[in-house]
N, C-alpha and C. Protein backbone atom coordinates (compact mmCIF):
# COMPACT_ATOMS: atom_id res chain seq x y z
N UNK A 1 -218.59 54.91 121.48
CA UNK A 1 -219.34 54.49 120.43
C UNK A 1 -220.90 54.47 120.92
N UNK A 2 -221.43 55.03 119.93
CA UNK A 2 -222.99 55.18 120.11
C UNK A 2 -223.67 53.82 119.83
N UNK A 3 -224.87 53.98 120.39
CA UNK A 3 -225.74 52.77 120.14
C UNK A 3 -225.72 51.79 121.39
N UNK A 4 -226.84 51.16 121.27
CA UNK A 4 -226.96 50.15 122.41
C UNK A 4 -226.17 48.94 122.15
N UNK A 5 -225.32 48.47 123.16
CA UNK A 5 -224.53 47.49 123.02
C UNK A 5 -224.97 46.22 122.65
N UNK A 6 -226.38 45.91 123.11
CA UNK A 6 -227.08 44.50 122.59
C UNK A 6 -227.39 44.58 120.88
N UNK A 7 -227.63 45.83 120.74
CA UNK A 7 -227.98 46.13 119.20
C UNK A 7 -226.90 45.82 118.39
N UNK A 8 -225.72 46.56 118.97
CA UNK A 8 -224.30 46.36 118.06
C UNK A 8 -223.88 45.03 118.12
N UNK A 9 -223.79 44.16 119.17
CA UNK A 9 -223.58 42.73 119.28
C UNK A 9 -224.35 41.86 118.14
N UNK A 10 -225.55 42.28 118.02
CA UNK A 10 -226.45 41.49 117.06
C UNK A 10 -225.89 41.54 115.59
N UNK A 11 -224.70 42.46 115.51
CA UNK A 11 -224.34 42.54 113.99
C UNK A 11 -223.05 41.82 114.04
N UNK A 12 -222.46 41.19 115.04
CA UNK A 12 -221.26 40.82 115.11
C UNK A 12 -221.03 39.46 114.24
N UNK A 13 -222.17 38.69 114.12
CA UNK A 13 -222.12 37.46 113.35
C UNK A 13 -221.74 38.10 111.68
N UNK A 14 -222.45 38.95 111.41
CA UNK A 14 -222.33 39.48 109.95
C UNK A 14 -220.74 40.01 109.99
N UNK A 15 -220.41 40.68 110.91
CA UNK A 15 -219.18 41.24 110.94
C UNK A 15 -217.88 40.08 110.90
N UNK A 16 -218.23 39.04 111.67
CA UNK A 16 -217.31 37.89 111.65
C UNK A 16 -217.21 37.35 110.41
N UNK A 17 -218.17 37.23 109.64
CA UNK A 17 -218.29 36.79 108.35
C UNK A 17 -217.50 37.54 107.30
N UNK A 18 -217.58 38.82 107.45
CA UNK A 18 -216.65 39.76 106.55
C UNK A 18 -215.22 39.33 106.81
N UNK A 19 -214.75 39.32 108.24
CA UNK A 19 -213.37 39.11 108.53
C UNK A 19 -212.83 37.73 108.23
N UNK A 20 -213.66 36.71 108.13
CA UNK A 20 -213.39 35.23 107.94
C UNK A 20 -213.36 35.18 106.42
N UNK A 21 -213.91 36.01 105.69
CA UNK A 21 -213.92 36.04 104.20
C UNK A 21 -212.60 36.26 103.51
N UNK A 22 -211.67 36.80 104.46
CA UNK A 22 -210.41 37.34 103.99
C UNK A 22 -209.78 35.85 103.49
N UNK A 23 -208.92 36.09 102.45
CA UNK A 23 -208.18 34.87 101.93
C UNK A 23 -207.01 35.28 101.53
N UNK A 24 -206.13 34.16 101.18
CA UNK A 24 -204.77 34.44 100.62
C UNK A 24 -204.64 35.35 99.54
N UNK A 25 -205.88 35.38 98.69
CA UNK A 25 -205.77 36.40 97.42
C UNK A 25 -205.44 37.79 97.98
N UNK A 26 -205.67 38.10 99.11
CA UNK A 26 -205.46 39.44 99.54
C UNK A 26 -204.18 39.57 100.27
N UNK A 27 -203.31 38.51 100.10
CA UNK A 27 -201.96 38.74 100.78
C UNK A 27 -201.06 39.83 100.50
N UNK A 28 -201.21 40.35 99.21
CA UNK A 28 -200.16 41.40 98.77
C UNK A 28 -201.11 42.87 98.71
N UNK A 29 -202.29 42.66 99.36
CA UNK A 29 -203.07 43.98 99.29
C UNK A 29 -202.64 44.84 100.55
N UNK A 30 -203.02 46.16 100.58
CA UNK A 30 -202.77 47.04 101.62
C UNK A 30 -201.09 47.03 101.91
N UNK A 31 -200.41 47.28 100.91
CA UNK A 31 -199.02 47.34 101.18
C UNK A 31 -198.56 48.53 101.99
N UNK A 32 -199.10 49.74 101.60
CA UNK A 32 -198.70 51.00 102.31
C UNK A 32 -199.09 50.93 103.73
N UNK A 33 -200.33 50.27 104.15
CA UNK A 33 -200.71 50.14 105.37
C UNK A 33 -199.83 49.18 106.25
N UNK A 34 -199.47 47.95 105.82
CA UNK A 34 -198.92 46.91 106.39
C UNK A 34 -197.63 46.59 106.18
N UNK A 35 -197.00 47.01 105.06
CA UNK A 35 -195.46 46.65 104.85
C UNK A 35 -194.66 47.44 106.05
N UNK A 36 -194.95 48.35 106.47
CA UNK A 36 -194.07 49.10 107.29
C UNK A 36 -194.68 48.47 108.95
N UNK A 37 -194.65 47.24 108.77
CA UNK A 37 -195.13 46.46 110.05
C UNK A 37 -194.21 46.46 111.18
N UNK A 38 -192.78 46.92 111.16
CA UNK A 38 -192.12 47.12 111.91
C UNK A 38 -192.49 48.05 113.22
N UNK A 39 -193.30 49.05 112.70
CA UNK A 39 -193.83 50.06 113.53
C UNK A 39 -194.67 49.27 114.68
N UNK A 40 -195.35 48.13 114.24
CA UNK A 40 -196.16 47.14 115.26
C UNK A 40 -195.08 46.40 116.06
N UNK A 41 -193.92 46.12 115.51
CA UNK A 41 -193.37 44.67 116.08
C UNK A 41 -193.32 44.64 117.62
N UNK A 42 -193.10 46.17 118.12
CA UNK A 42 -193.06 45.86 119.65
C UNK A 42 -194.28 45.66 120.37
N UNK A 43 -195.39 46.07 119.48
CA UNK A 43 -196.71 45.79 120.01
C UNK A 43 -197.39 44.42 119.60
N UNK A 44 -197.12 44.05 118.33
CA UNK A 44 -197.68 42.74 117.77
C UNK A 44 -196.57 41.67 117.53
N UNK A 45 -196.11 40.93 118.50
CA UNK A 45 -194.92 39.96 118.37
C UNK A 45 -195.37 38.63 117.94
N UNK A 46 -196.72 38.32 117.45
CA UNK A 46 -196.90 37.07 117.06
C UNK A 46 -196.62 36.79 115.65
N UNK A 47 -196.75 35.33 115.41
CA UNK A 47 -196.16 35.03 113.92
C UNK A 47 -196.84 35.55 112.84
N UNK A 48 -198.22 35.80 112.94
CA UNK A 48 -198.98 36.33 111.79
C UNK A 48 -199.32 37.72 111.89
N UNK A 49 -198.41 38.68 112.44
CA UNK A 49 -198.73 40.02 112.53
C UNK A 49 -199.10 40.65 111.15
N UNK A 50 -198.45 40.21 110.07
CA UNK A 50 -198.76 40.92 108.90
C UNK A 50 -200.07 40.45 108.52
N UNK A 51 -200.39 39.06 108.67
CA UNK A 51 -201.89 38.77 108.56
C UNK A 51 -202.71 39.35 109.11
N UNK A 52 -202.63 39.67 110.25
CA UNK A 52 -203.60 40.42 111.22
C UNK A 52 -203.74 41.79 110.67
N UNK A 53 -202.73 42.52 110.29
CA UNK A 53 -202.74 43.89 109.71
C UNK A 53 -203.74 43.78 108.29
N UNK A 54 -203.45 42.75 107.69
CA UNK A 54 -204.04 42.75 106.27
C UNK A 54 -205.53 42.35 106.33
N UNK A 55 -205.89 41.55 107.30
CA UNK A 55 -207.22 41.26 107.64
C UNK A 55 -207.99 42.42 108.19
N UNK A 56 -207.24 43.14 109.09
CA UNK A 56 -207.78 44.40 109.65
C UNK A 56 -208.16 45.47 108.55
N UNK A 57 -207.15 45.50 107.50
CA UNK A 57 -207.51 46.71 106.56
C UNK A 57 -208.32 46.11 105.62
N UNK A 58 -208.44 44.80 105.21
CA UNK A 58 -209.35 44.27 104.42
C UNK A 58 -210.83 44.51 105.10
N UNK A 59 -210.80 44.18 106.24
CA UNK A 59 -212.23 44.27 107.04
C UNK A 59 -212.67 45.70 107.08
N UNK A 60 -211.74 46.64 107.37
CA UNK A 60 -212.23 48.15 107.37
C UNK A 60 -212.74 48.48 106.07
N UNK A 61 -212.01 48.11 105.05
CA UNK A 61 -212.44 48.39 103.62
C UNK A 61 -213.72 47.85 103.25
N UNK A 62 -214.08 46.63 103.74
CA UNK A 62 -215.37 46.16 103.41
C UNK A 62 -216.43 46.69 104.35
N UNK A 63 -216.21 47.23 105.54
CA UNK A 63 -217.43 47.66 106.24
C UNK A 63 -217.56 49.24 105.95
N UNK A 64 -216.77 49.87 105.17
CA UNK A 64 -216.78 51.32 104.70
C UNK A 64 -217.92 51.26 103.87
N UNK A 65 -218.28 50.30 103.12
CA UNK A 65 -219.35 50.41 102.30
C UNK A 65 -220.58 50.08 102.77
N UNK A 66 -220.95 49.80 103.94
CA UNK A 66 -222.22 49.55 104.58
C UNK A 66 -222.78 50.70 105.36
N UNK A 67 -224.10 50.62 105.79
CA UNK A 67 -224.67 51.68 106.45
C UNK A 67 -223.95 51.91 107.54
N UNK A 68 -224.45 52.87 108.57
CA UNK A 68 -223.76 53.60 109.64
C UNK A 68 -224.02 52.34 110.99
N UNK A 69 -225.00 51.76 110.78
CA UNK A 69 -225.23 50.63 111.94
C UNK A 69 -224.16 49.68 111.78
N UNK A 70 -223.91 49.07 110.43
CA UNK A 70 -222.65 48.15 110.39
C UNK A 70 -221.24 48.59 110.62
N UNK A 71 -221.19 49.95 110.26
CA UNK A 71 -219.99 50.54 110.57
C UNK A 71 -219.62 50.75 112.07
N UNK A 72 -220.61 51.26 112.87
CA UNK A 72 -220.58 51.31 114.31
C UNK A 72 -220.20 49.91 114.99
N UNK A 73 -220.90 48.99 114.54
CA UNK A 73 -220.97 47.49 115.13
C UNK A 73 -219.46 47.04 114.53
N UNK A 74 -219.30 47.39 113.37
CA UNK A 74 -218.09 46.74 112.77
C UNK A 74 -216.73 47.28 113.39
N UNK A 75 -216.81 48.66 113.79
CA UNK A 75 -215.68 49.14 114.45
C UNK A 75 -215.48 48.53 115.78
N UNK A 76 -216.51 48.24 116.51
CA UNK A 76 -216.55 47.53 117.90
C UNK A 76 -215.99 46.05 117.66
N UNK A 77 -216.59 45.51 116.50
CA UNK A 77 -216.23 44.11 116.27
C UNK A 77 -214.63 44.11 116.02
N UNK A 78 -214.14 45.00 115.21
CA UNK A 78 -212.78 44.84 114.81
C UNK A 78 -211.71 44.96 116.30
N UNK A 79 -212.38 45.62 117.13
CA UNK A 79 -211.50 45.76 118.41
C UNK A 79 -211.86 44.43 119.30
N UNK A 80 -213.03 44.03 119.34
CA UNK A 80 -213.36 42.63 119.81
C UNK A 80 -212.43 41.63 119.26
N UNK A 81 -212.45 41.36 117.75
CA UNK A 81 -211.48 40.52 117.30
C UNK A 81 -210.12 40.53 117.57
N UNK A 82 -209.61 41.78 117.56
CA UNK A 82 -208.09 41.97 117.91
C UNK A 82 -208.01 41.67 119.21
N UNK A 83 -208.94 42.01 120.24
CA UNK A 83 -208.81 41.61 121.73
C UNK A 83 -208.65 40.08 121.88
N UNK A 84 -209.51 39.42 121.05
CA UNK A 84 -209.62 37.94 121.08
C UNK A 84 -208.30 37.42 120.37
N UNK A 85 -207.65 38.00 119.44
CA UNK A 85 -206.55 37.50 119.01
C UNK A 85 -205.31 37.69 119.84
N UNK A 86 -205.44 38.61 120.65
CA UNK A 86 -204.09 39.23 121.49
C UNK A 86 -204.30 38.75 122.89
N UNK A 87 -205.57 38.42 123.43
CA UNK A 87 -205.80 38.38 124.93
C UNK A 87 -204.74 37.26 125.37
N UNK A 88 -204.32 37.43 126.63
CA UNK A 88 -203.36 36.54 127.05
C UNK A 88 -201.84 36.81 126.87
N UNK A 89 -201.68 37.66 125.76
CA UNK A 89 -200.25 38.01 125.38
C UNK A 89 -200.16 39.48 125.43
N UNK A 90 -201.18 40.32 125.53
CA UNK A 90 -201.13 41.82 126.04
C UNK A 90 -201.88 42.41 126.82
N UNK A 91 -201.71 43.32 127.37
CA UNK A 91 -202.79 44.05 128.42
C UNK A 91 -203.60 44.75 127.53
N UNK A 92 -204.76 45.13 127.94
CA UNK A 92 -205.70 45.73 127.35
C UNK A 92 -205.37 47.08 126.66
N UNK A 93 -204.34 47.93 127.43
CA UNK A 93 -203.99 49.08 126.86
C UNK A 93 -203.12 48.76 125.61
N UNK A 94 -202.42 47.91 125.65
CA UNK A 94 -201.45 47.40 124.30
C UNK A 94 -202.36 47.17 123.28
N UNK A 95 -203.59 46.27 123.52
CA UNK A 95 -204.51 45.87 122.39
C UNK A 95 -205.16 47.19 122.03
N UNK A 96 -205.63 48.13 122.89
CA UNK A 96 -206.13 49.39 122.32
C UNK A 96 -205.00 50.10 121.41
N UNK A 97 -203.83 50.01 121.76
CA UNK A 97 -202.78 50.73 120.82
C UNK A 97 -202.67 50.06 119.53
N UNK A 98 -202.80 48.83 119.55
CA UNK A 98 -202.59 48.07 118.24
C UNK A 98 -203.84 48.52 117.44
N UNK A 99 -204.99 48.47 118.04
CA UNK A 99 -206.39 48.83 117.31
C UNK A 99 -206.35 50.32 116.75
N UNK A 100 -205.73 51.30 117.46
CA UNK A 100 -205.70 52.55 117.22
C UNK A 100 -204.52 52.81 115.99
N UNK A 101 -203.54 52.03 116.12
CA UNK A 101 -202.67 52.18 115.14
C UNK A 101 -203.08 51.63 113.61
N UNK A 102 -203.72 50.51 113.77
CA UNK A 102 -204.40 50.07 112.57
C UNK A 102 -205.58 51.05 112.00
N UNK A 103 -206.22 51.53 112.81
CA UNK A 103 -207.30 52.50 112.42
C UNK A 103 -206.45 53.72 111.69
N UNK A 104 -205.58 54.30 112.22
CA UNK A 104 -204.85 55.23 111.79
C UNK A 104 -204.23 55.03 110.65
N UNK A 105 -203.61 53.92 110.43
CA UNK A 105 -202.81 53.45 109.10
C UNK A 105 -204.03 53.31 108.08
N UNK A 106 -205.09 52.68 108.38
CA UNK A 106 -206.18 52.60 107.41
C UNK A 106 -206.58 54.17 107.02
N UNK A 107 -207.05 54.91 108.05
CA UNK A 107 -207.61 56.36 107.65
C UNK A 107 -206.64 57.26 106.90
N UNK A 108 -205.18 56.88 107.00
CA UNK A 108 -204.07 57.78 106.40
C UNK A 108 -204.34 57.42 104.80
N UNK A 109 -204.71 56.25 104.35
CA UNK A 109 -204.54 55.91 103.02
C UNK A 109 -206.00 55.81 102.43
N UNK A 110 -207.01 55.90 103.17
CA UNK A 110 -208.51 55.56 102.67
C UNK A 110 -209.42 56.41 103.43
N UNK A 111 -210.62 56.61 102.95
CA UNK A 111 -211.61 57.39 103.56
C UNK A 111 -211.80 56.95 105.13
N UNK A 112 -211.66 57.85 106.00
CA UNK A 112 -211.74 57.79 107.51
C UNK A 112 -212.95 56.72 107.80
N UNK A 113 -212.70 56.02 108.89
CA UNK A 113 -213.63 55.14 109.50
C UNK A 113 -213.47 55.09 110.89
N UNK A 114 -214.30 54.70 111.74
CA UNK A 114 -213.92 54.35 113.24
C UNK A 114 -213.43 55.53 113.87
N UNK A 115 -213.83 56.77 113.74
CA UNK A 115 -213.27 58.04 114.11
C UNK A 115 -213.16 57.91 115.68
N UNK A 116 -214.24 57.32 116.32
CA UNK A 116 -214.30 57.28 117.70
C UNK A 116 -213.91 56.09 118.54
N UNK A 117 -212.58 55.70 117.75
CA UNK A 117 -212.17 54.34 118.38
C UNK A 117 -211.66 54.57 119.75
N UNK A 118 -211.29 55.74 120.17
CA UNK A 118 -210.62 55.76 121.55
C UNK A 118 -211.59 55.19 122.53
N UNK A 119 -212.99 55.31 122.35
CA UNK A 119 -213.99 54.74 123.27
C UNK A 119 -214.07 53.38 123.43
N UNK A 120 -213.45 52.50 122.62
CA UNK A 120 -213.36 51.24 122.55
C UNK A 120 -212.48 50.45 123.60
N UNK A 121 -212.09 51.15 124.57
CA UNK A 121 -211.12 50.68 125.57
C UNK A 121 -211.85 49.68 126.44
N UNK A 122 -211.95 48.41 126.13
CA UNK A 122 -212.54 47.52 126.83
C UNK A 122 -211.66 46.72 127.84
N UNK A 123 -212.05 46.67 129.13
CA UNK A 123 -211.16 45.86 129.92
C UNK A 123 -211.52 44.43 129.80
N UNK A 124 -210.51 43.63 130.54
CA UNK A 124 -210.77 42.20 130.31
C UNK A 124 -212.28 41.82 130.83
N UNK A 125 -212.58 42.25 132.08
CA UNK A 125 -213.92 41.96 132.56
C UNK A 125 -215.03 42.43 131.51
N UNK A 126 -215.07 43.59 131.01
CA UNK A 126 -215.95 43.87 129.82
C UNK A 126 -215.95 43.07 128.73
N UNK A 127 -214.80 42.71 128.35
CA UNK A 127 -214.58 41.87 127.09
C UNK A 127 -215.23 40.58 127.21
N UNK A 128 -215.04 40.04 128.45
CA UNK A 128 -215.75 38.65 128.80
C UNK A 128 -217.37 38.82 128.80
N UNK A 129 -217.73 39.88 129.22
CA UNK A 129 -219.37 40.13 129.33
C UNK A 129 -219.75 40.18 127.74
N UNK A 130 -218.88 40.97 126.96
CA UNK A 130 -219.35 41.25 125.77
C UNK A 130 -219.27 39.84 124.96
N UNK A 131 -218.21 39.10 125.21
CA UNK A 131 -218.22 37.81 124.62
C UNK A 131 -219.38 37.02 125.00
N UNK A 132 -219.65 36.85 126.28
CA UNK A 132 -221.08 36.44 126.75
C UNK A 132 -222.16 36.56 125.98
N UNK A 133 -222.32 38.02 125.89
CA UNK A 133 -223.44 38.74 125.11
C UNK A 133 -223.48 38.14 123.72
N UNK A 134 -222.38 38.10 123.24
CA UNK A 134 -222.22 37.71 121.61
C UNK A 134 -222.63 36.23 121.61
N UNK A 135 -221.89 35.38 122.55
CA UNK A 135 -222.25 33.87 122.40
C UNK A 135 -223.84 33.57 122.75
N UNK A 136 -224.32 34.30 123.67
CA UNK A 136 -225.72 33.91 123.97
C UNK A 136 -226.71 34.63 122.85
N UNK A 137 -226.24 35.58 122.02
CA UNK A 137 -227.01 35.94 120.87
C UNK A 137 -226.94 34.97 119.92
N UNK A 138 -225.70 34.41 119.67
CA UNK A 138 -225.50 33.31 118.54
C UNK A 138 -226.40 32.18 119.04
N UNK A 139 -226.36 31.80 120.28
CA UNK A 139 -227.38 30.72 120.63
C UNK A 139 -228.83 30.84 120.41
N UNK A 140 -229.16 32.17 120.55
CA UNK A 140 -230.52 32.42 120.28
C UNK A 140 -230.89 32.39 118.78
N UNK A 141 -229.95 32.89 118.05
CA UNK A 141 -230.04 32.92 116.59
C UNK A 141 -230.13 31.33 116.13
N UNK A 142 -229.26 30.61 116.63
CA UNK A 142 -229.16 29.15 116.20
C UNK A 142 -230.50 28.30 116.62
N UNK A 143 -231.00 28.77 117.72
CA UNK A 143 -232.25 27.93 118.38
C UNK A 143 -233.39 28.36 117.38
N UNK A 144 -233.35 29.54 116.98
CA UNK A 144 -234.63 30.30 116.22
C UNK A 144 -234.43 29.46 114.77
N UNK A 145 -233.26 29.18 114.22
CA UNK A 145 -233.20 28.69 112.98
C UNK A 145 -233.32 27.07 113.06
N UNK A 146 -233.10 26.39 114.08
CA UNK A 146 -233.33 25.10 114.13
C UNK A 146 -234.80 24.77 114.48
N UNK A 147 -235.44 25.65 114.90
CA UNK A 147 -236.90 25.47 115.34
C UNK A 147 -237.84 25.42 114.27
């Protein structure tokens, strides 16, 4: 992924807002991408696997319309979000597999996005550092708004 990691992480709050904006009204969207979820069942064995897929597809669709900075940050954020959803249940390599499968499913039916996804292989150590950077950035933003 191109770009300075600190600059990319600055966009994570915006990206988080997009994925959190997903609601039940989108439950039946992305049938082509998510109805064949059995393909993921060996990788994604948690209760809300279908919801994770739909949220991911919704999110990819939303970031598609933004400029390249948001797209790059958005692709990294999706991996960050999936890693956060799956950590402790799956190894980093398995989480990367889930991420790649979601990206490929989306790209098969829509305009391609996150083409450099293989470079998002983040280790547990790197994820924790990324999370620390994100949390620190959030605290800085919040302290600026409260001042």
